[in-house]
Amino acid sequence: MRVVFAGTPDVAVPSLDALAASGHELVGVVTRPDAPSGRGRKLVASPVAVRGEELGVPVLKPEHPRDPDFQAALRELRPDVCPVVAYGALLPQSALDIPEHGWINLHFSILPAWRGAAPVQHSIWSGDEMTGATTFRIVKELDAGPTFGVMTERIRPTDTAGDLLGRLAEGGATLLVRTLDGIEDGSLEAREQAGDGLSYAPKIVVEDARVEWTDPAAAIDRQVRACTPGPGAWSTWEGERFKLGAVRVATDHAQLAPGVLEVTKNAVFVGTATHAVELGEVKAFGKKQMRAADWARGVTVPPGATLGAAHPQG
């Protein structure tokens, strides 16, 4: 089949590569426009745009897929199907109608669980033991289209969202190619999603990532892992934002009051509603990321000092 791939971030690149190496004909790429990045705020092409150019196919970067010029350019490419991975823009019906077999999305959950922008983060945060990826035909309603295929993946006890998403991106790329193969040869038929098990996974913003030390240690561990690498879990120290890397639930350590810090020679512990947690790497305001014990050696941590005692300034 003639394929135009739509995607934007790094997590979409494995699928683009898999399609380019498949028996299908990759005739174009759709991605988000170049965006400001870094201290200089220079415009930078998306990872999918960069890879598409390396593959030598036309790269379309519409401001919005409803743009008539974009839709005309897409029609000229004559796609039979448009596979999608993390494109990042809503597709109007006029665009959905262009390819004969529609737009086939690779979504990183087992639908109908965790429809929405952040399925991997929410699956970790909620303590799910299993997750996966699903291919489905895009319809107007959010992530509600009929499904073609699914893969499963166990969530490991130390998985961050980045770790898990990396594995799903690789496994999902194979699933996406097999889905297109099945659509082409008629062996796959889309099935409506189940009516039960529906849940939503809205985007996690910075304020959501603030740790409340009155939560149980296990919940804090899941929150930190779910928010890694982005937007990054945090608390406050002396009124400034204090970023948190992975933590360890310290079942072997004495219980501390929520938020209270305890510094030993080689470790920093924080109290929660249950067990203390041991901090891994941290990033204090204006400092580089470092081991929590190294940070503690460079500051004064008085007895009874707490994280989260005040909101960050500004």
Protein backbone atom coordinates (compact mmCIF):
# COMPACT_ATOMS: atom_id res chain seq x y z
CA MET A 1 0.00 0.00 0.00
CA ARG A 2 1.02 3.63 -0.48
CA VAL A 3 1.66 4.99 3.00
CA VAL A 4 1.90 8.54 4.39
CA PHE A 5 3.11 8.41 7.99
CA ALA A 6 2.09 11.01 10.59
CA GLY A 7 4.08 11.53 13.78
CA THR A 8 6.25 14.04 15.60
CA PRO A 9 8.44 13.01 18.61
CA ASP A 10 11.25 10.47 19.03
CA VAL A 11 8.80 7.79 20.11
CA ALA A 12 7.30 7.80 16.59
CA VAL A 13 10.60 7.19 14.80
CA PRO A 14 10.74 3.39 15.32
CA SER A 15 7.40 3.05 13.55
CA LEU A 16 8.55 5.28 10.71
CA ASP A 17 11.67 3.16 10.28
CA ALA A 18 9.67 -0.06 10.42
CA LEU A 19 7.31 1.17 7.71
CA ALA A 20 10.20 2.33 5.53
CA ALA A 21 11.71 -1.17 5.79
CA SER A 22 8.40 -2.95 5.17
CA GLY A 23 6.80 -4.09 1.95
CA HIS A 24 4.63 -0.96 1.90
CA GLU A 25 5.59 2.11 -0.11
CA LEU A 26 6.39 5.10 2.11
CA VAL A 27 5.48 8.12 -0.03
CA GLY A 28 5.42 10.92 2.54
CA VAL A 29 5.53 12.09 6.15
CA VAL A 30 3.27 14.48 8.05
CA THR A 31 4.58 16.14 11.19
CA ARG A 32 4.17 19.22 13.34
CA PRO A 33 5.84 22.49 12.25
CA ASP A 34 9.36 23.31 13.39
CA ALA A 35 9.27 24.54 17.00
CA PRO A 36 11.51 26.78 19.16
CA SER A 37 14.00 24.83 21.26
CA GLY A 38 16.93 25.45 23.59
CA ARG A 39 18.18 28.67 25.14
CA GLY A 40 18.38 30.42 21.80
CA ARG A 41 14.81 29.37 20.96
CA LYS A 42 15.87 28.48 17.45
CA LEU A 43 13.36 26.66 15.27
CA VAL A 44 14.10 22.93 15.25
CA ALA A 45 12.53 20.25 13.08
CA SER A 46 10.76 17.36 14.80
CA PRO A 47 12.55 13.99 15.07
CA VAL A 48 10.08 12.56 12.54
CA ALA A 49 10.75 15.43 10.11
CA VAL A 50 14.50 14.84 10.39
CA ARG A 51 14.13 11.09 9.79
CA GLY A 52 11.69 11.64 6.92
CA GLU A 53 14.17 13.91 5.18
CA GLU A 54 16.91 11.31 5.70
CA LEU A 55 14.64 8.74 4.06
CA GLY A 56 14.18 11.05 1.09
CA VAL A 57 10.39 11.34 1.17
CA PRO A 58 8.26 14.52 1.08
CA VAL A 59 7.75 16.00 4.56
CA LEU A 60 4.56 18.00 5.14
CA LYS A 61 4.41 20.37 8.14
CA PRO A 62 0.95 21.94 8.19
CA GLU A 63 0.05 24.46 10.87
CA HIS A 64 -3.19 22.48 11.11
CA PRO A 65 -4.33 19.45 9.11
CA ARG A 66 -7.53 21.28 8.14
CA ASP A 67 -5.45 23.62 5.93
CA PRO A 68 -6.69 23.26 2.31
CA ASP A 69 -3.15 23.44 0.91
CA PHE A 70 -2.06 20.56 3.13
CA GLN A 71 -5.03 18.44 2.18
CA ALA A 72 -4.37 19.12 -1.49
CA ALA A 73 -0.72 18.06 -1.05
CA LEU A 74 -1.83 14.91 0.76
CA ARG A 75 -4.22 14.00 -2.04
CA GLU A 76 -1.40 14.39 -4.55
CA LEU A 77 0.56 11.73 -2.63
CA ARG A 78 -2.40 9.32 -3.13
CA PRO A 79 -2.05 7.41 0.15
CA ASP A 80 -3.98 4.20 0.62
CA VAL A 81 -3.58 4.54 4.38
CA CYS A 82 -2.07 7.00 6.87
CA PRO A 83 -0.53 5.35 9.96
CA VAL A 84 -0.18 7.68 12.96
CA VAL A 85 2.05 7.66 16.06
CA ALA A 86 1.94 10.66 18.41
CA TYR A 87 1.27 13.21 15.69
CA GLY A 88 -0.10 15.82 18.09
CA ALA A 89 -2.94 17.50 16.19
CA LEU A 90 -6.64 16.77 15.78
CA LEU A 91 -7.57 15.47 12.35
CA PRO A 92 -10.73 16.88 10.73
CA GLN A 93 -13.09 14.57 8.89
CA SER A 94 -12.04 16.09 5.57
CA ALA A 95 -8.50 14.82 6.19
CA LEU A 96 -9.66 11.47 7.60
CA ASP A 97 -11.59 10.82 4.40
CA ILE A 98 -8.60 11.15 2.03
CA PRO A 99 -6.97 7.69 2.30
CA GLU A 100 -9.15 4.72 1.33
CA HIS A 101 -8.29 2.80 4.53
CA GLY A 102 -8.31 5.83 6.80
CA TRP A 103 -5.78 6.87 9.44
CA ILE A 104 -4.56 4.00 11.62
CA ASN A 105 -3.29 5.08 15.03
CA LEU A 106 -0.81 3.26 17.26
CA HIS A 107 -1.87 4.11 20.82
CA PHE A 108 0.20 3.11 23.84
CA SER A 109 -2.45 1.39 25.96
CA ILE A 110 -4.84 -1.53 25.73
CA LEU A 111 -7.95 0.33 24.63
CA PRO A 112 -10.44 1.31 25.93
CA ALA A 113 -8.17 1.78 28.97
CA TRP A 114 -6.30 5.08 29.08
CA ARG A 115 -7.65 6.97 26.11
CA GLY A 116 -5.90 10.31 25.82
CA ALA A 117 -2.53 12.04 25.71
CA ALA A 118 -0.59 10.30 28.51
CA PRO A 119 -1.53 6.61 28.68
CA VAL A 120 1.90 5.34 29.70
CA GLN A 121 2.26 7.83 32.56
CA HIS A 122 -1.20 7.08 33.91
CA SER A 123 -0.73 3.32 33.73
CA ILE A 124 2.41 3.56 35.90
CA TRP A 125 0.91 6.12 38.29
CA SER A 126 -2.17 3.96 38.81
CA GLY A 127 -0.13 0.87 39.63
CA ASP A 128 -1.17 -1.21 36.60
CA GLU A 129 0.77 -4.46 36.25
CA MET A 130 0.24 -4.72 32.49
CA THR A 131 -0.14 -2.30 29.63
CA GLY A 132 0.43 -2.49 25.89
CA ALA A 133 -0.36 -0.87 22.57
CA THR A 134 -3.37 -0.93 20.26
CA THR A 135 -3.87 -0.11 16.60
CA PHE A 136 -7.22 1.43 15.67
CA ARG A 137 -8.92 3.49 12.98
CA ILE A 138 -9.19 7.14 13.97
CA VAL A 139 -12.71 8.56 14.31
CA LYS A 140 -13.96 11.91 15.55
CA GLU A 141 -14.31 10.77 19.19
CA LEU A 142 -11.04 10.62 21.16
CA ASP A 143 -9.30 7.23 20.77
CA ALA A 144 -12.68 5.54 20.31
CA GLY A 145 -12.30 3.99 16.86
CA PRO A 146 -12.55 0.29 16.06
CA THR A 147 -9.39 -1.69 16.83
CA PHE A 148 -7.25 -3.99 14.69
CA GLY A 149 -4.49 -5.39 16.89
CA VAL A 150 -2.97 -5.30 20.36
CA MET A 151 0.30 -6.14 22.09
CA THR A 152 0.91 -6.45 25.83
CA GLU A 153 3.85 -5.40 27.97
CA ARG A 154 4.50 -6.00 31.67
CA ILE A 155 5.24 -2.90 33.74
CA ARG A 156 8.46 -3.51 35.67
CA PRO A 157 8.83 -2.33 39.30
CA THR A 158 11.44 0.29 38.39
CA ASP A 159 10.01 1.41 35.04
CA THR A 160 9.87 5.12 34.38
CA ALA A 161 7.49 6.43 31.74
CA GLY A 162 10.51 6.85 29.47
CA ASP A 163 11.62 3.24 29.96
CA LEU A 164 8.19 1.80 29.29
CA LEU A 165 7.45 4.08 26.35
CA GLY A 166 10.73 3.06 24.73
CA ARG A 167 9.77 -0.62 24.83
CA LEU A 168 6.24 0.07 23.61
CA ALA A 169 7.56 2.19 20.74
CA GLU A 170 9.73 -0.69 19.51
CA GLY A 171 7.10 -3.40 19.95
CA GLY A 172 4.37 -1.14 18.65
CA ALA A 173 6.27 -0.51 15.43
CA THR A 174 6.03 -4.21 14.60
CA LEU A 175 2.34 -4.22 15.52
CA LEU A 176 1.68 -1.24 13.23
CA VAL A 177 3.34 -2.88 10.22
CA ARG A 178 1.46 -6.15 10.84
CA THR A 179 -1.78 -4.19 11.06
CA LEU A 180 -1.18 -2.59 7.67
CA ASP A 181 -0.27 -6.01 6.26
CA GLY A 182 -3.57 -7.41 7.55
CA ILE A 183 -5.59 -4.51 6.17
CA GLU A 184 -3.96 -4.95 2.77
CA ASP A 185 -4.54 -8.70 2.48
CA GLY A 186 -7.99 -8.59 4.12
CA SER A 187 -7.06 -10.82 7.07
CA LEU A 188 -7.76 -8.09 9.67
CA GLU A 189 -11.18 -6.67 10.39
CA ALA A 190 -11.69 -3.72 12.72
CA ARG A 191 -13.72 -4.47 15.84
CA GLU A 192 -15.59 -2.00 18.01
CA GLN A 193 -13.99 -1.34 21.39
CA ALA A 194 -15.34 -3.03 24.52
CA GLY A 195 -17.97 -1.13 26.43
CA ASP A 196 -16.33 -1.61 29.82
CA GLY A 197 -12.88 -0.78 31.20
CA LEU A 198 -12.94 2.76 29.80
CA SER A 199 -10.53 5.24 31.43
CA TYR A 200 -8.91 8.50 30.39
CA ALA A 201 -5.31 9.71 30.52
CA PRO A 202 -5.14 13.50 30.19
CA LYS A 203 -1.82 15.24 29.72
CA ILE A 204 0.19 15.50 32.95
CA VAL A 205 1.26 19.09 33.57
CA VAL A 206 3.91 20.48 35.92
CA GLU A 207 1.49 21.14 38.78
CA ASP A 208 0.27 17.53 38.65
CA ALA A 209 3.86 16.38 39.20
CA ARG A 210 4.22 18.05 42.60
CA VAL A 211 4.78 15.39 45.26
CA GLU A 212 2.55 15.44 48.34
CA TRP A 213 4.54 13.82 51.13
CA THR A 214 1.34 12.94 52.96
CA ASP A 215 0.76 10.29 50.29
CA PRO A 216 1.94 6.69 50.87
CA ALA A 217 5.50 5.87 49.83
CA ALA A 218 4.40 3.42 47.13
CA ALA A 219 2.16 6.07 45.54
CA ILE A 220 5.00 8.61 45.55
CA ASP A 221 7.33 6.08 43.92
CA ARG A 222 4.77 5.51 41.14
CA GLN A 223 4.22 9.26 40.70
CA VAL A 224 7.93 9.99 40.36
CA ARG A 225 8.41 7.18 37.83
CA ALA A 226 5.31 8.24 35.89
CA CYS A 227 6.60 11.81 35.64
CA THR A 228 10.09 10.79 34.45
CA PRO A 229 11.43 12.15 32.15
CA GLY A 230 8.63 14.68 31.74
CA PRO A 231 7.31 16.85 33.22
CA GLY A 232 9.52 15.74 36.14
CA ALA A 233 8.37 15.16 39.73
CA TRP A 234 9.19 17.92 42.18
CA SER A 235 8.78 19.32 45.65
CA THR A 236 10.20 22.50 47.20
CA TRP A 237 13.24 23.30 49.30
CA GLU A 238 13.54 26.73 50.92
CA GLY A 239 10.73 28.00 48.72
CA GLU A 240 12.25 26.93 45.41
CA ARG A 241 11.35 24.05 43.16
CA PHE A 242 13.36 20.90 43.91
CA LYS A 243 13.27 18.25 41.19
CA LEU A 244 13.22 14.58 42.07
CA GLY A 245 14.69 11.60 40.28
CA ALA A 246 13.88 8.01 41.16
CA VAL A 247 13.15 7.20 44.81
CA ARG A 248 13.40 3.94 46.74
CA VAL A 249 10.74 2.88 49.21
CA ALA A 250 12.88 2.37 52.32
CA THR A 251 11.02 -0.37 54.16
CA ASP A 252 14.23 -0.97 56.14
CA HIS A 253 14.37 2.60 57.51
CA ALA A 254 12.63 4.16 60.48
CA GLN A 255 9.40 5.97 59.69
CA LEU A 256 9.59 9.76 59.44
CA ALA A 257 6.87 12.41 59.54
CA PRO A 258 5.66 13.41 56.05
CA GLY A 259 8.19 15.65 54.29
CA VAL A 260 10.79 15.49 57.05
CA LEU A 261 14.36 15.03 55.82
CA GLU A 262 16.93 12.78 57.40
CA VAL A 263 20.50 12.96 56.11
CA THR A 264 23.00 10.15 56.72
CA LYS A 265 26.56 9.83 55.47
CA ASN A 266 25.54 8.33 52.13
CA ALA A 267 21.78 8.86 51.77
CA VAL A 268 18.88 11.26 52.15
CA PHE A 269 15.50 10.02 53.38
CA VAL A 270 12.11 11.77 53.33
CA GLY A 271 9.07 10.87 55.37
CA THR A 272 5.74 9.94 53.82
CA ALA A 273 2.41 8.70 55.12
CA THR A 274 3.93 5.21 55.36
CA HIS A 275 7.58 4.24 54.90
CA ALA A 276 10.33 6.76 54.30
CA VAL A 277 11.70 7.04 50.78
CA GLU A 278 15.36 7.36 49.85
CA LEU A 279 16.04 10.05 47.29
CA GLY A 280 18.09 9.18 44.21
CA GLU A 281 19.21 12.06 42.02
CA VAL A 282 17.88 15.56 42.68
CA LYS A 283 18.17 18.99 41.09
CA ALA A 284 17.97 21.96 43.41
CA PHE A 285 17.14 25.41 42.05
CA GLY A 286 20.10 26.81 40.11
CA LYS A 287 22.14 23.62 40.53
CA LYS A 288 23.06 20.69 38.32
CA GLN A 289 21.44 17.30 38.78
CA MET A 290 23.33 15.28 41.39
CA ARG A 291 23.04 12.47 43.91
CA ALA A 292 20.90 13.49 46.87
CA ALA A 293 23.75 12.72 49.30
CA ASP A 294 26.06 15.07 47.38
CA TRP A 295 23.42 17.80 47.44
CA ALA A 296 22.96 17.39 51.20
CA ARG A 297 26.70 17.76 51.82
CA GLY A 298 26.61 21.14 50.09
CA VAL A 299 23.73 22.66 52.06
CA THR A 300 22.69 22.97 55.67
CA VAL A 301 19.81 20.65 56.51
CA PRO A 302 18.74 21.51 60.08
CA PRO A 303 16.97 18.93 62.25
CA GLY A 304 13.29 18.69 61.36
CA ALA A 305 13.76 20.38 57.96
CA THR A 306 11.10 19.41 55.42
CA LEU A 307 10.61 19.27 51.69
CA GLY A 308 7.47 20.95 50.40
CA ALA A 309 7.22 23.45 53.25
CA ALA A 310 6.56 26.37 50.90
CA HIS A 311 5.44 26.94 47.34
CA PRO A 312 8.12 27.88 44.79
CA GLN A 313 8.57 31.54 44.06
CA GLY A 314 7.50 32.90 40.66
